[in-house]
């Protein structure tokens, strides 16, 4: 974990990291949903 000068930087880092993970999960969920929709599985 990188070192932070203050709590604000740390908070921003955690938010960005959570957002990145959210994007990955969102993309996977969307792909699964689209695949089921188009393939009728």
Foldseek 3Di string as FASTA:
>chain_A
DDDDPDVVVVVVVVVVVVVVVVVVVVVVVVVVVVCCVVVVD
